[in-house]
Amino acid sequence: METLFTLADQIEARYTKAKAYVNKLTQSILAKAFRGELVPQYPNDEPASVLLEKIKTERAKNETKKKRKKK
């Protein structure tokens, strides 16, 4: 019986260690993703700030078109 408790304690310790490792790994992957380090970056790609500005401009144009159609 004592052997089973010892085994259960060992399994619990391994689980706790593995869970901590997974949590650190998840954080590392997210950090790399936000830094753009998960895939190769192409030098011809524009920065995200430029893309966001284009999206804002396009949305503004679409809003203007919708307002004109409603009138």
C-alpha atoms as a PDB file:
ATOM      1  CA  MET A   1       0.000   0.000   0.000  1.00  0.00           C
ATOM      2  CA  GLU A   2       2.818   2.385   0.900  1.00  0.00           C
ATOM      3  CA  THR A   3       4.396   1.703  -2.498  1.00  0.00           C
ATOM      4  CA  LEU A   4       1.245   2.941  -4.229  1.00  0.00           C
ATOM      5  CA  PHE A   5       1.279   6.169  -2.237  1.00  0.00           C
ATOM      6  CA  THR A   6       4.929   6.677  -3.108  1.00  0.00           C
ATOM      7  CA  LEU A   7       4.161   6.061  -6.769  1.00  0.00           C
ATOM      8  CA  ALA A   8       1.207   8.462  -6.622  1.00  0.00           C
ATOM      9  CA  ASP A   9       3.452  11.152  -5.102  1.00  0.00           C
ATOM     10  CA  GLN A  10       6.012  10.645  -7.857  1.00  0.00           C
ATOM     11  CA  ILE A  11       3.338  10.900 -10.536  1.00  0.00           C
ATOM     12  CA  GLU A  12       1.964  14.057  -8.948  1.00  0.00           C
ATOM     13  CA  ALA A  13       5.452  15.603  -8.827  1.00  0.00           C
ATOM     14  CA  ARG A  14       6.030  14.769 -12.508  1.00  0.00           C
ATOM     15  CA  TYR A  15       2.636  16.213 -13.418  1.00  0.00           C
ATOM     16  CA  THR A  16       3.346  19.448 -11.547  1.00  0.00           C
ATOM     17  CA  LYS A  17       6.740  19.776 -13.227  1.00  0.00           C
ATOM     18  CA  ALA A  18       5.281  19.049 -16.677  1.00  0.00           C
ATOM     19  CA  LYS A  19       2.459  21.546 -16.154  1.00  0.00           C
ATOM     20  CA  ALA A  20       4.924  24.280 -15.199  1.00  0.00           C
ATOM     21  CA  TYR A  21       6.992  23.450 -18.281  1.00  0.00           C
ATOM     22  CA  VAL A  22       3.915  23.652 -20.536  1.00  0.00           C
ATOM     23  CA  ASN A  23       2.933  27.013 -19.056  1.00  0.00           C
ATOM     24  CA  LYS A  24       6.419  28.395 -19.708  1.00  0.00           C
ATOM     25  CA  LEU A  25       6.396  26.942 -23.210  1.00  0.00           C
ATOM     26  CA  THR A  26       3.039  28.535 -23.969  1.00  0.00           C
ATOM     27  CA  GLN A  27       4.315  31.923 -22.818  1.00  0.00           C
ATOM     28  CA  SER A  28       7.481  31.509 -24.884  1.00  0.00           C
ATOM     29  CA  ILE A  29       5.507  30.651 -28.001  1.00  0.00           C
ATOM     30  CA  LEU A  30       3.198  33.628 -27.532  1.00  0.00           C
ATOM     31  CA  ALA A  31       6.151  35.955 -26.985  1.00  0.00           C
ATOM     32  CA  LYS A  32       7.846  34.688 -30.153  1.00  0.00           C
ATOM     33  CA  ALA A  33       4.597  35.053 -32.089  1.00  0.00           C
ATOM     34  CA  PHE A  34       4.203  38.686 -31.069  1.00  0.00           C
ATOM     35  CA  ARG A  35       7.822  39.391 -31.995  1.00  0.00           C
ATOM     36  CA  GLY A  36       7.327  37.701 -35.377  1.00  0.00           C
ATOM     37  CA  GLU A  37       9.887  34.988 -34.697  1.00  0.00           C
ATOM     38  CA  LEU A  38       7.772  31.896 -35.466  1.00  0.00           C
ATOM     39  CA  VAL A  39       8.011  32.108 -39.239  1.00  0.00           C
ATOM     40  CA  PRO A  40      10.559  33.632 -41.595  1.00  0.00           C
ATOM     41  CA  GLN A  41      10.050  37.325 -42.146  1.00  0.00           C
ATOM     42  CA  TYR A  42      10.215  38.650 -45.681  1.00  0.00           C
ATOM     43  CA  PRO A  43      12.122  41.899 -46.134  1.00  0.00           C
ATOM     44  CA  ASN A  44       9.512  43.149 -48.620  1.00  0.00           C
ATOM     45  CA  ASP A  45       6.680  42.877 -46.092  1.00  0.00           C
ATOM     46  CA  GLU A  46       5.509  46.174 -44.711  1.00  0.00           C
ATOM     47  CA  PRO A  47       5.333  46.762 -40.965  1.00  0.00           C
ATOM     48  CA  ALA A  48       2.075  46.066 -39.150  1.00  0.00           C
ATOM     49  CA  SER A  49       1.636  49.781 -38.437  1.00  0.00           C
ATOM     50  CA  VAL A  50       1.442  50.503 -42.182  1.00  0.00           C
ATOM     51  CA  LEU A  51      -1.052  47.686 -42.695  1.00  0.00           C
ATOM     52  CA  LEU A  52      -3.212  48.954 -39.821  1.00  0.00           C
ATOM     53  CA  GLU A  53      -3.217  52.431 -41.309  1.00  0.00           C
ATOM     54  CA  LYS A  54      -4.376  51.016 -44.656  1.00  0.00           C
ATOM     55  CA  ILE A  55      -7.171  49.133 -42.907  1.00  0.00           C
ATOM     56  CA  LYS A  56      -8.315  52.297 -41.099  1.00  0.00           C
ATOM     57  CA  THR A  57      -8.299  54.245 -44.356  1.00  0.00           C
ATOM     58  CA  GLU A  58     -10.264  51.518 -46.156  1.00  0.00           C
ATOM     59  CA  ARG A  59     -12.838  51.359 -43.361  1.00  0.00           C
ATOM     60  CA  ALA A  60     -13.255  55.127 -43.432  1.00  0.00           C
ATOM     61  CA  LYS A  61     -13.863  54.998 -47.190  1.00  0.00           C
ATOM     62  CA  ASN A  62     -16.439  52.241 -46.751  1.00  0.00           C
ATOM     63  CA  GLU A  63     -18.249  54.196 -44.024  1.00  0.00           C
ATOM     64  CA  THR A  64     -18.412  57.224 -46.306  1.00  0.00           C
ATOM     65  CA  LYS A  65     -19.861  55.077 -49.101  1.00  0.00           C
ATOM     66  CA  LYS A  66     -22.484  53.590 -46.776  1.00  0.00           C
ATOM     67  CA  LYS A  67     -23.553  57.051 -45.582  1.00  0.00           C
ATOM     68  CA  ARG A  68     -23.923  58.258 -49.176  1.00  0.00           C
ATOM     69  CA  LYS A  69     -26.080  55.262 -50.103  1.00  0.00           C
ATOM     70  CA  LYS A  70     -28.413  55.833 -47.135  1.00  0.00           C
ATOM     71  CA  LYS A  71     -29.127  59.424 -48.124  1.00  0.00           C
END
